[in-house]
PDB file of all heavy atoms in Angstrom:
ATOM      1  N   LYS A   1      59.393   3.022  37.499  1.00  0.00           N
ATOM      2  CA  LYS A   1      60.831   3.097  37.206  1.00  0.00           C
ATOM      3  C   LYS A   1      61.661   3.327  38.456  1.00  0.00           C
ATOM      4  O   LYS A   1      62.772   3.851  38.398  1.00  0.00           O
ATOM      5  CB  LYS A   1      61.122   4.167  36.158  1.00  0.00           C
ATOM      6  CG  LYS A   1      60.476   3.884  34.820  1.00  0.00           C
ATOM      7  CD  LYS A   1      60.896   4.905  33.802  1.00  0.00           C
ATOM      8  CE  LYS A   1      60.244   4.606  32.463  1.00  0.00           C
ATOM      9  NZ  LYS A   1      60.668   5.525  31.417  1.00  0.00           N
ATOM     10  N   GLY A   2      61.120   2.951  39.631  1.00  0.00           N
ATOM     11  CA  GLY A   2      61.836   3.116  40.883  1.00  0.00           C
ATOM     12  C   GLY A   2      62.968   2.118  41.014  1.00  0.00           C
ATOM     13  O   GLY A   2      62.861   0.976  40.590  1.00  0.00           O
ATOM     14  N   ASP A   3      64.053   2.549  41.601  1.00  0.00           N
ATOM     15  CA  ASP A   3      65.219   1.695  41.793  1.00  0.00           C
ATOM     16  C   ASP A   3      65.429   1.411  43.276  1.00  0.00           C
ATOM     17  O   ASP A   3      65.439   0.289  43.710  1.00  0.00           O
ATOM     18  CB  ASP A   3      66.452   2.363  41.182  1.00  0.00           C
ATOM     19  CG  ASP A   3      67.720   1.558  41.401  1.00  0.00           C
ATOM     20  OD1 ASP A   3      67.668   0.321  41.260  1.00  0.00           O
ATOM     21  OD2 ASP A   3      68.757   2.166  41.710  1.00  0.00           O
ATOM     22  N   LYS A   4      65.588   2.453  44.064  1.00  0.00           N
ATOM     23  CA  LYS A   4      65.777   2.323  45.510  1.00  0.00           C
ATOM     24  C   LYS A   4      64.993   3.420  46.196  1.00  0.00           C
ATOM     25  O   LYS A   4      64.866   4.528  45.683  1.00  0.00           O
ATOM     26  CB  LYS A   4      67.248   2.493  45.893  1.00  0.00           C
ATOM     27  CG  LYS A   4      68.179   1.473  45.327  1.00  0.00           C
ATOM     28  CD  LYS A   4      68.469   0.421  46.343  1.00  0.00           C
ATOM     29  CE  LYS A   4      69.557  -0.472  45.782  1.00  0.00           C
ATOM     30  NZ  LYS A   4      69.566  -1.768  46.253  1.00  0.00           N
ATOM     31  N   ILE A   5      64.522   3.088  47.398  1.00  0.00           N
ATOM     32  CA  ILE A   5      63.867   4.102  48.220  1.00  0.00           C
ATOM     33  C   ILE A   5      64.231   3.828  49.672  1.00  0.00           C
ATOM     34  O   ILE A   5      64.190   2.689  50.123  1.00  0.00           O
ATOM     35  CB  ILE A   5      62.339   4.131  48.016  1.00  0.00           C
ATOM     36  CG1 ILE A   5      61.737   5.293  48.791  1.00  0.00           C
ATOM     37  CG2 ILE A   5      61.704   2.818  48.397  1.00  0.00           C
ATOM     38  CD1 ILE A   5      60.327   5.624  48.387  1.00  0.00           C
ATOM     39  N   PHE A   6      64.650   4.845  50.351  1.00  0.00           N
ATOM     40  CA  PHE A   6      64.940   4.764  51.776  1.00  0.00           C
ATOM     41  C   PHE A   6      64.176   5.886  52.462  1.00  0.00           C
ATOM     42  O   PHE A   6      64.296   7.052  52.071  1.00  0.00           O
ATOM     43  CB  PHE A   6      66.439   4.899  52.056  1.00  0.00           C
ATOM     44  CG  PHE A   6      67.255   3.790  51.467  1.00  0.00           C
ATOM     45  CD1 PHE A   6      68.109   4.023  50.409  1.00  0.00           C
ATOM     46  CD2 PHE A   6      67.153   2.500  51.965  1.00  0.00           C
ATOM     47  CE1 PHE A   6      68.860   2.999  49.853  1.00  0.00           C
ATOM     48  CE2 PHE A   6      67.897   1.463  51.417  1.00  0.00           C
ATOM     49  CZ  PHE A   6      68.754   1.715  50.355  1.00  0.00           C
ATOM     50  N   CYS A   7      63.383   5.522  53.444  1.00  0.00           N
ATOM     51  CA  CYS A   7      62.582   6.500  54.183  1.00  0.00           C
ATOM     52  C   CYS A   7      62.938   6.394  55.651  1.00  0.00           C
ATOM     53  O   CYS A   7      63.151   5.294  56.170  1.00  0.00           O
ATOM     54  CB  CYS A   7      61.095   6.218  53.991  1.00  0.00           C
ATOM     55  SG  CYS A   7      60.576   6.180  52.276  1.00  0.00           S
ATOM     56  N   PHE A   8      62.982   7.530  56.320  1.00  0.00           N
ATOM     57  CA  PHE A   8      63.266   7.525  57.744  1.00  0.00           C
ATOM     58  C   PHE A   8      62.664   8.746  58.420  1.00  0.00           C
ATOM     59  O   PHE A   8      62.372   9.749  57.774  1.00  0.00           O
ATOM     60  CB  PHE A   8      64.776   7.454  58.019  1.00  0.00           C
ATOM     61  CG  PHE A   8      65.569   8.618  57.487  1.00  0.00           C
ATOM     62  CD1 PHE A   8      65.803   9.739  58.273  1.00  0.00           C
ATOM     63  CD2 PHE A   8      66.098   8.590  56.208  1.00  0.00           C
ATOM     64  CE1 PHE A   8      66.543  10.807  57.793  1.00  0.00           C
ATOM     65  CE2 PHE A   8      66.844   9.649  55.710  1.00  0.00           C
ATOM     66  CZ  PHE A   8      67.065  10.762  56.507  1.00  0.00           C
ATOM     67  N   THR A   9      62.480   8.597  59.716  1.00  0.00           N
ATOM     68  CA  THR A   9      62.023   9.699  60.553  1.00  0.00           C
ATOM     69  C   THR A   9      63.189  10.107  61.435  1.00  0.00           C
ATOM     70  O   THR A   9      63.876   9.255  62.008  1.00  0.00           O
ATOM     71  CB  THR A   9      60.829   9.264  61.422  1.00  0.00           C
ATOM     72  OG1 THR A   9      59.799   8.794  60.565  1.00  0.00           O
ATOM     73  CG2 THR A   9      60.304  10.419  62.249  1.00  0.00           C
ATOM     74  N   PHE A  10      63.412  11.405  61.522  1.00  0.00           N
ATOM     75  CA  PHE A  10      64.483  11.946  62.352  1.00  0.00           C
ATOM     76  C   PHE A  10      63.971  13.228  62.998  1.00  0.00           C
ATOM     77  O   PHE A  10      63.537  14.140  62.297  1.00  0.00           O
ATOM     78  CB  PHE A  10      65.728  12.231  61.509  1.00  0.00           C
ATOM     79  CG  PHE A  10      66.870  12.798  62.294  1.00  0.00           C
ATOM     80  CD1 PHE A  10      67.604  11.991  63.153  1.00  0.00           C
ATOM     81  CD2 PHE A  10      67.211  14.131  62.177  1.00  0.00           C
ATOM     82  CE1 PHE A  10      68.659  12.518  63.873  1.00  0.00           C
ATOM     83  CE2 PHE A  10      68.259  14.663  62.898  1.00  0.00           C
ATOM     84  CZ  PHE A  10      68.993  13.853  63.750  1.00  0.00           C
ATOM     85  N   GLU A  11      64.011  13.254  64.324  1.00  0.00           N
ATOM     86  CA  GLU A  11      63.547  14.416  65.091  1.00  0.00           C
ATOM     87  C   GLU A  11      62.150  14.857  64.642  1.00  0.00           C
ATOM     88  O   GLU A  11      61.881  16.043  64.467  1.00  0.00           O
ATOM     89  CB  GLU A  11      64.551  15.565  64.978  1.00  0.00           C
ATOM     90  CG  GLU A  11      65.897  15.246  65.604  1.00  0.00           C
ATOM     91  CD  GLU A  11      66.910  16.379  65.494  1.00  0.00           C
ATOM     92  OE1 GLU A  11      66.650  17.380  64.781  1.00  0.00           O
ATOM     93  OE2 GLU A  11      67.970  16.260  66.132  1.00  0.00           O
ATOM     94  N   GLY A  12      61.285  13.889  64.418  1.00  0.00           N
ATOM     95  CA  GLY A  12      59.904  14.171  64.054  1.00  0.00           C
ATOM     96  C   GLY A  12      59.685  14.559  62.603  1.00  0.00           C
ATOM     97  O   GLY A  12      58.564  14.872  62.203  1.00  0.00           O
ATOM     98  N   LYS A  13      60.728  14.547  61.802  1.00  0.00           N
ATOM     99  CA  LYS A  13      60.616  14.901  60.387  1.00  0.00           C
ATOM    100  C   LYS A  13      60.779  13.637  59.548  1.00  0.00           C
ATOM    101  O   LYS A  13      61.590  12.770  59.864  1.00  0.00           O
ATOM    102  CB  LYS A  13      61.677  15.921  60.004  1.00  0.00           C
ATOM    103  CG  LYS A  13      61.530  17.219  60.780  1.00  0.00           C
ATOM    104  CD  LYS A  13      62.707  18.121  60.553  1.00  0.00           C
ATOM    105  CE  LYS A  13      62.609  19.329  61.482  1.00  0.00           C
ATOM    106  NZ  LYS A  13      63.878  19.954  61.707  1.00  0.00           N
ATOM    107  N   TYR A  14      60.019  13.553  58.466  1.00  0.00           N
ATOM    108  CA  TYR A  14      60.026  12.376  57.602  1.00  0.00           C
ATOM    109  C   TYR A  14      60.804  12.678  56.325  1.00  0.00           C
ATOM    110  O   TYR A  14      60.532  13.666  55.642  1.00  0.00           O
ATOM    111  CB  TYR A  14      58.591  11.973  57.256  1.00  0.00           C
ATOM    112  CG  TYR A  14      58.476  10.643  56.565  1.00  0.00           C
ATOM    113  CD1 TYR A  14      58.643   9.455  57.268  1.00  0.00           C
ATOM    114  CD2 TYR A  14      58.198  10.577  55.210  1.00  0.00           C
ATOM    115  CE1 TYR A  14      58.526   8.232  56.636  1.00  0.00           C
ATOM    116  CE2 TYR A  14      58.074   9.360  54.571  1.00  0.00           C
ATOM    117  CZ  TYR A  14      58.246   8.185  55.290  1.00  0.00           C
ATOM    118  OH  TYR A  14      58.131   6.979  54.654  1.00  0.00           O
ATOM    119  N   PHE A  15      61.793  11.844  56.023  1.00  0.00           N
ATOM    120  CA  PHE A  15      62.644  12.019  54.849  1.00  0.00           C
ATOM    121  C   PHE A  15      62.511  10.810  53.928  1.00  0.00           C
ATOM    122  O   PHE A  15      62.372   9.682  54.389  1.00  0.00           O
ATOM    123  CB  PHE A  15      64.111  12.171  55.260  1.00  0.00           C
ATOM    124  CG  PHE A  15      64.388  13.417  56.035  1.00  0.00           C
ATOM    125  CD1 PHE A  15      64.283  13.433  57.419  1.00  0.00           C
ATOM    126  CD2 PHE A  15      64.745  14.589  55.388  1.00  0.00           C
ATOM    127  CE1 PHE A  15      64.528  14.583  58.143  1.00  0.00           C
ATOM    128  CE2 PHE A  15      64.993  15.743  56.105  1.00  0.00           C
ATOM    129  CZ  PHE A  15      64.886  15.750  57.486  1.00  0.00           C
ATOM    130  N   GLN A  16      62.593  11.084  52.644  1.00  0.00           N
ATOM    131  CA  GLN A  16      62.519  10.024  51.647  1.00  0.00           C
ATOM    132  C   GLN A  16      63.626  10.269  50.616  1.00  0.00           C
ATOM    133  O   GLN A  16      63.689  11.334  50.007  1.00  0.00           O
ATOM    134  CB  GLN A  16      61.151  10.054  50.975  1.00  0.00           C
ATOM    135  CG  GLN A  16      60.921   8.984  49.952  1.00  0.00           C
ATOM    136  CD  GLN A  16      59.559   9.147  49.299  1.00  0.00           C
ATOM    137  OE1 GLN A  16      59.304  10.148  48.628  1.00  0.00           O
ATOM    138  NE2 GLN A  16      58.698   8.170  49.489  1.00  0.00           N
ATOM    139  N   LEU A  17      64.508   9.269  50.449  1.00  0.00           N
ATOM    140  CA  LEU A  17      65.553   9.306  49.436  1.00  0.00           C
ATOM    141  C   LEU A  17      65.129   8.338  48.342  1.00  0.00           C
ATOM    142  O   LEU A  17      64.877   7.163  48.625  1.00  0.00           O
ATOM    143  CB  LEU A  17      66.895   8.860  50.010  1.00  0.00           C
ATOM    144  CG  LEU A  17      67.589   9.779  51.010  1.00  0.00           C
ATOM    145  CD1 LEU A  17      66.932   9.699  52.369  1.00  0.00           C
ATOM    146  CD2 LEU A  17      69.045   9.402  51.128  1.00  0.00           C
ATOM    147  N   LEU A  18      65.041   8.807  47.111  1.00  0.00           N
ATOM    148  CA  LEU A  18      64.497   8.002  46.037  1.00  0.00           C
ATOM    149  C   LEU A  18      65.370   8.095  44.793  1.00  0.00           C
ATOM    150  O   LEU A  18      65.789   9.191  44.404  1.00  0.00           O
ATOM    151  CB  LEU A  18      63.088   8.505  45.701  1.00  0.00           C
ATOM    152  CG  LEU A  18      62.375   7.896  44.512  1.00  0.00           C
ATOM    153  CD1 LEU A  18      62.055   6.424  44.752  1.00  0.00           C
ATOM    154  CD2 LEU A  18      61.101   8.677  44.220  1.00  0.00           C
ATOM    155  N   THR A  19      65.652   6.934  44.188  1.00  0.00           N
ATOM    156  CA  THR A  19      66.313   6.915  42.882  1.00  0.00           C
ATOM    157  C   THR A  19      65.381   6.235  41.892  1.00  0.00           C
ATOM    158  O   THR A  19      64.773   5.215  42.195  1.00  0.00           O
ATOM    159  CB  THR A  19      67.668   6.183  42.913  1.00  0.00           C
ATOM    160  OG1 THR A  19      67.469   4.812  43.242  1.00  0.00           O
ATOM    161  CG2 THR A  19      68.620   6.816  43.909  1.00  0.00           C
ATOM    162  N   VAL A  20      65.275   6.826  40.717  1.00  0.00           N
ATOM    163  CA  VAL A  20      64.424   6.293  39.649  1.00  0.00           C
ATOM    164  C   VAL A  20      65.163   6.427  38.313  1.00  0.00           C
ATOM    165  O   VAL A  20      66.159   7.144  38.209  1.00  0.00           O
ATOM    166  CB  VAL A  20      63.056   7.013  39.560  1.00  0.00           C
ATOM    167  CG1 VAL A  20      62.235   6.809  40.822  1.00  0.00           C
ATOM    168  CG2 VAL A  20      63.230   8.491  39.275  1.00  0.00           C
ATOM    169  N   ASN A  21      64.630   5.754  37.302  1.00  0.00           N
ATOM    170  CA  ASN A  21      65.150   5.860  35.928  1.00  0.00           C
ATOM    171  C   ASN A  21      66.625   5.490  35.816  1.00  0.00           C
ATOM    172  O   ASN A  21      67.407   6.178  35.150  1.00  0.00           O
ATOM    173  CB  ASN A  21      64.945   7.273  35.358  1.00  0.00           C
ATOM    174  CG  ASN A  21      63.501   7.657  35.298  1.00  0.00           C
ATOM    175  OD1 ASN A  21      62.646   6.845  35.007  1.00  0.00           O
ATOM    176  ND2 ASN A  21      63.221   8.921  35.587  1.00  0.00           N
ATOM    177  N   LYS A  22      67.020   4.384  36.434  1.00  0.00           N
ATOM    178  CA  LYS A  22      68.414   3.946  36.349  1.00  0.00           C
ATOM    179  C   LYS A  22      68.743   3.590  34.902  1.00  0.00           C
ATOM    180  O   LYS A  22      67.980   2.910  34.227  1.00  0.00           O
ATOM    181  CB  LYS A  22      68.617   2.732  37.259  1.00  0.00           C
ATOM    182  CG  LYS A  22      70.042   2.378  37.510  1.00  0.00           C
ATOM    183  CD  LYS A  22      70.093   1.271  38.553  1.00  0.00           C
ATOM    184  CE  LYS A  22      71.466   1.076  39.094  1.00  0.00           C
ATOM    185  NZ  LYS A  22      71.470   0.026  40.120  1.00  0.00           N
ATOM    186  N   ARG A  23      69.886   4.087  34.439  1.00  0.00           N
ATOM    187  CA  ARG A  23      70.279   3.854  33.063  1.00  0.00           C
ATOM    188  C   ARG A  23      71.806   3.756  32.960  1.00  0.00           C
ATOM    189  O   ARG A  23      72.533   4.353  33.755  1.00  0.00           O
ATOM    190  CB  ARG A  23      69.747   4.959  32.164  1.00  0.00           C
ATOM    191  CG  ARG A  23      70.233   6.340  32.572  1.00  0.00           C
ATOM    192  CD  ARG A  23      69.202   7.422  32.265  1.00  0.00           C
ATOM    193  NE  ARG A  23      69.589   8.710  32.780  1.00  0.00           N
ATOM    194  CZ  ARG A  23      69.245   9.167  33.992  1.00  0.00           C
ATOM    195  NH1 ARG A  23      68.555   8.431  34.826  1.00  0.00           N
ATOM    196  NH2 ARG A  23      69.601  10.374  34.378  1.00  0.00           N
ATOM    197  N   LEU A  24      72.270   3.000  31.967  1.00  0.00           N
ATOM    198  CA  LEU A  24      73.700   2.838  31.701  1.00  0.00           C
ATOM    199  C   LEU A  24      74.238   4.029  30.915  1.00  0.00           C
ATOM    200  O   LEU A  24      73.518   4.625  30.116  1.00  0.00           O
ATOM    201  CB  LEU A  24      73.956   1.579  30.876  1.00  0.00           C
ATOM    202  CG  LEU A  24      73.968   0.250  31.616  1.00  0.00           C
ATOM    203  CD1 LEU A  24      73.980  -0.903  30.621  1.00  0.00           C
ATOM    204  CD2 LEU A  24      75.146   0.157  32.552  1.00  0.00           C
ATOM    205  N   THR A  25      75.522   4.331  31.126  1.00  0.00           N
ATOM    206  CA  THR A  25      76.169   5.313  30.263  1.00  0.00           C
ATOM    207  C   THR A  25      76.469   4.637  28.930  1.00  0.00           C
ATOM    208  O   THR A  25      76.384   3.415  28.808  1.00  0.00           O
ATOM    209  CB  THR A  25      77.477   5.831  30.900  1.00  0.00           C
ATOM    210  OG1 THR A  25      78.321   4.713  31.189  1.00  0.00           O
ATOM    211  CG2 THR A  25      77.209   6.619  32.160  1.00  0.00           C
ATOM    212  N   HIS A  26      76.861   5.404  27.955  1.00  0.00           N
ATOM    213  CA  HIS A  26      77.116   4.852  26.616  1.00  0.00           C
ATOM    214  C   HIS A  26      78.224   3.805  26.607  1.00  0.00           C
ATOM    215  O   HIS A  26      78.218   2.898  25.807  1.00  0.00           O
ATOM    216  CB  HIS A  26      77.430   5.980  25.619  1.00  0.00           C
ATOM    217  CG  HIS A  26      78.722   6.670  25.896  1.00  0.00           C
ATOM    218  ND1 HIS A  26      78.859   7.629  26.875  1.00  0.00           N
ATOM    219  CD2 HIS A  26      79.946   6.510  25.342  1.00  0.00           C
ATOM    220  CE1 HIS A  26      80.114   8.049  26.904  1.00  0.00           C
ATOM    221  NE2 HIS A  26      80.790   7.400  25.982  1.00  0.00           N
ATOM    222  N   ASP A  27      79.188   3.910  27.516  1.00  0.00           N
ATOM    223  CA  ASP A  27      80.283   2.931  27.552  1.00  0.00           C
ATOM    224  C   ASP A  27      79.997   1.752  28.481  1.00  0.00           C
ATOM    225  O   ASP A  27      80.783   0.809  28.554  1.00  0.00           O
ATOM    226  CB  ASP A  27      81.594   3.603  27.950  1.00  0.00           C
ATOM    227  CG  ASP A  27      81.557   4.235  29.335  1.00  0.00           C
ATOM    228  OD1 ASP A  27      80.542   4.078  30.045  1.00  0.00           O
ATOM    229  OD2 ASP A  27      82.537   4.898  29.706  1.00  0.00           O
ATOM    230  N   GLY A  28      78.883   1.793  29.191  1.00  0.00           N
ATOM    231  CA  GLY A  28      78.501   0.698  30.067  1.00  0.00           C
ATOM    232  C   GLY A  28      79.284   0.618  31.363  1.00  0.00           C
ATOM    233  O   GLY A  28      79.128  -0.323  32.136  1.00  0.00           O
ATOM    234  N   GLU A  29      80.137   1.606  31.631  1.00  0.00           N
ATOM    235  CA  GLU A  29      80.973   1.597  32.838  1.00  0.00           C
ATOM    236  C   GLU A  29      80.217   2.039  34.091  1.00  0.00           C
ATOM    237  O   GLU A  29      80.519   1.603  35.185  1.00  0.00           O
ATOM    238  CB  GLU A  29      82.192   2.507  32.645  1.00  0.00           C
ATOM    239  CG  GLU A  29      83.162   2.026  31.598  1.00  0.00           C
ATOM    240  CD  GLU A  29      83.981   0.840  32.068  1.00  0.00           C
ATOM    241  OE1 GLU A  29      84.389   0.820  33.237  1.00  0.00           O
ATOM    242  OE2 GLU A  29      84.196  -0.066  31.246  1.00  0.00           O
ATOM    243  N   GLU A  30      79.286   2.940  33.911  1.00  0.00           N
ATOM    244  CA  GLU A  30      78.552   3.488  35.038  1.00  0.00           C
ATOM    245  C   GLU A  30      77.059   3.449  34.755  1.00  0.00           C
ATOM    246  O   GLU A  30      76.633   3.301  33.614  1.00  0.00           O
ATOM    247  CB  GLU A  30      78.939   4.952  35.298  1.00  0.00           C
ATOM    248  CG  GLU A  30      80.358   5.170  35.700  1.00  0.00           C
ATOM    249  CD  GLU A  30      80.656   6.652  35.917  1.00  0.00           C
ATOM    250  OE1 GLU A  30      80.096   7.500  35.212  1.00  0.00           O
ATOM    251  OE2 GLU A  30      81.458   6.935  36.795  1.00  0.00           O
ATOM    252  N   GLN A  31      76.310   3.611  35.836  1.00  0.00           N
ATOM    253  CA  GLN A  31      74.874   3.803  35.714  1.00  0.00           C
ATOM    254  C   GLN A  31      74.539   5.099  36.436  1.00  0.00           C
ATOM    255  O   GLN A  31      75.224   5.499  37.370  1.00  0.00           O
ATOM    256  CB  GLN A  31      74.113   2.638  36.353  1.00  0.00           C
ATOM    257  CG  GLN A  31      74.315   1.328  35.638  1.00  0.00           C
ATOM    258  CD  GLN A  31      73.562   0.196  36.312  1.00  0.00           C
ATOM    259  OE1 GLN A  31      73.387   0.179  37.517  1.00  0.00           O
ATOM    260  NE2 GLN A  31      73.122  -0.750  35.515  1.00  0.00           N
ATOM    261  N   TRP A  32      73.467   5.729  35.980  1.00  0.00           N
ATOM    262  CA  TRP A  32      72.997   6.967  36.585  1.00  0.00           C
ATOM    263  C   TRP A  32      71.520   6.814  36.903  1.00  0.00           C
ATOM    264  O   TRP A  32      70.797   6.133  36.187  1.00  0.00           O
ATOM    265  CB  TRP A  32      73.194   8.151  35.628  1.00  0.00           C
ATOM    266  CG  TRP A  32      74.624   8.499  35.431  1.00  0.00           C
ATOM    267  CD1 TRP A  32      75.503   7.878  34.582  1.00  0.00           C
ATOM    268  CD2 TRP A  32      75.357   9.511  36.095  1.00  0.00           C
ATOM    269  NE1 TRP A  32      76.731   8.461  34.681  1.00  0.00           N
ATOM    270  CE2 TRP A  32      76.679   9.473  35.600  1.00  0.00           C
ATOM    271  CE3 TRP A  32      75.035  10.451  37.066  1.00  0.00           C
ATOM    272  CZ2 TRP A  32      77.664  10.337  36.044  1.00  0.00           C
ATOM    273  CZ3 TRP A  32      76.019  11.320  37.490  1.00  0.00           C
ATOM    274  CH2 TRP A  32      77.319  11.257  36.996  1.00  0.00           C
ATOM    275  N   SER A  33      71.084   7.438  37.968  1.00  0.00           N
ATOM    276  CA  SER A  33      69.670   7.488  38.334  1.00  0.00           C
ATOM    277  C   SER A  33      69.301   8.930  38.634  1.00  0.00           C
ATOM    278  O   SER A  33      70.148   9.722  39.039  1.00  0.00           O
ATOM    279  CB  SER A  33      69.397   6.668  39.598  1.00  0.00           C
ATOM    280  OG  SER A  33      69.664   5.311  39.409  1.00  0.00           O
ATOM    281  N   ASP A  34      68.030   9.228  38.458  1.00  0.00           N
ATOM    282  CA  ASP A  34      67.523  10.497  38.970  1.00  0.00           C
ATOM    283  C   ASP A  34      67.364  10.311  40.472  1.00  0.00           C
ATOM    284  O   ASP A  34      66.869   9.286  40.930  1.00  0.00           O
ATOM    285  CB  ASP A  34      66.176  10.832  38.329  1.00  0.00           C
ATOM    286  CG  ASP A  34      66.301  11.065  36.834  1.00  0.00           C
ATOM    287  OD1 ASP A  34      67.316  11.642  36.411  1.00  0.00           O
ATOM    288  OD2 ASP A  34      65.385  10.665  36.096  1.00  0.00           O
ATOM    289  N   PHE A  35      67.799  11.281  41.237  1.00  0.00           N
ATOM    290  CA  PHE A  35      67.756  11.213  42.698  1.00  0.00           C
ATOM    291  C   PHE A  35      66.915  12.361  43.222  1.00  0.00           C
ATOM    292  O   PHE A  35      67.056  13.497  42.765  1.00  0.00           O
ATOM    293  CB  PHE A  35      69.172  11.311  43.278  1.00  0.00           C
ATOM    294  CG  PHE A  35      69.199  11.374  44.775  1.00  0.00           C
ATOM    295  CD1 PHE A  35      69.177  10.209  45.528  1.00  0.00           C
ATOM    296  CD2 PHE A  35      69.222  12.588  45.440  1.00  0.00           C
ATOM    297  CE1 PHE A  35      69.182  10.256  46.914  1.00  0.00           C
ATOM    298  CE2 PHE A  35      69.230  12.656  46.820  1.00  0.00           C
ATOM    299  CZ  PHE A  35      69.204  11.481  47.553  1.00  0.00           C
ATOM    300  N   SER A  36      66.052  12.053  44.188  1.00  0.00           N
ATOM    301  CA  SER A  36      65.311  13.138  44.832  1.00  0.00           C
ATOM    302  C   SER A  36      65.267  12.909  46.333  1.00  0.00           C
ATOM    303  O   SER A  36      65.320  11.780  46.810  1.00  0.00           O
ATOM    304  CB  SER A  36      63.898  13.265  44.266  1.00  0.00           C
ATOM    305  OG  SER A  36      63.143  12.118  44.562  1.00  0.00           O
TER     306      SER A  36
END
């Protein structure tokens, strides 16, 4: 259920930005994802 993932190294540290479970709101105007 992955949507987007961005990984990078900065000053020797590894970071991962991840969105999963993208879903529409009830009115269909927006979408939401779990972000970690």
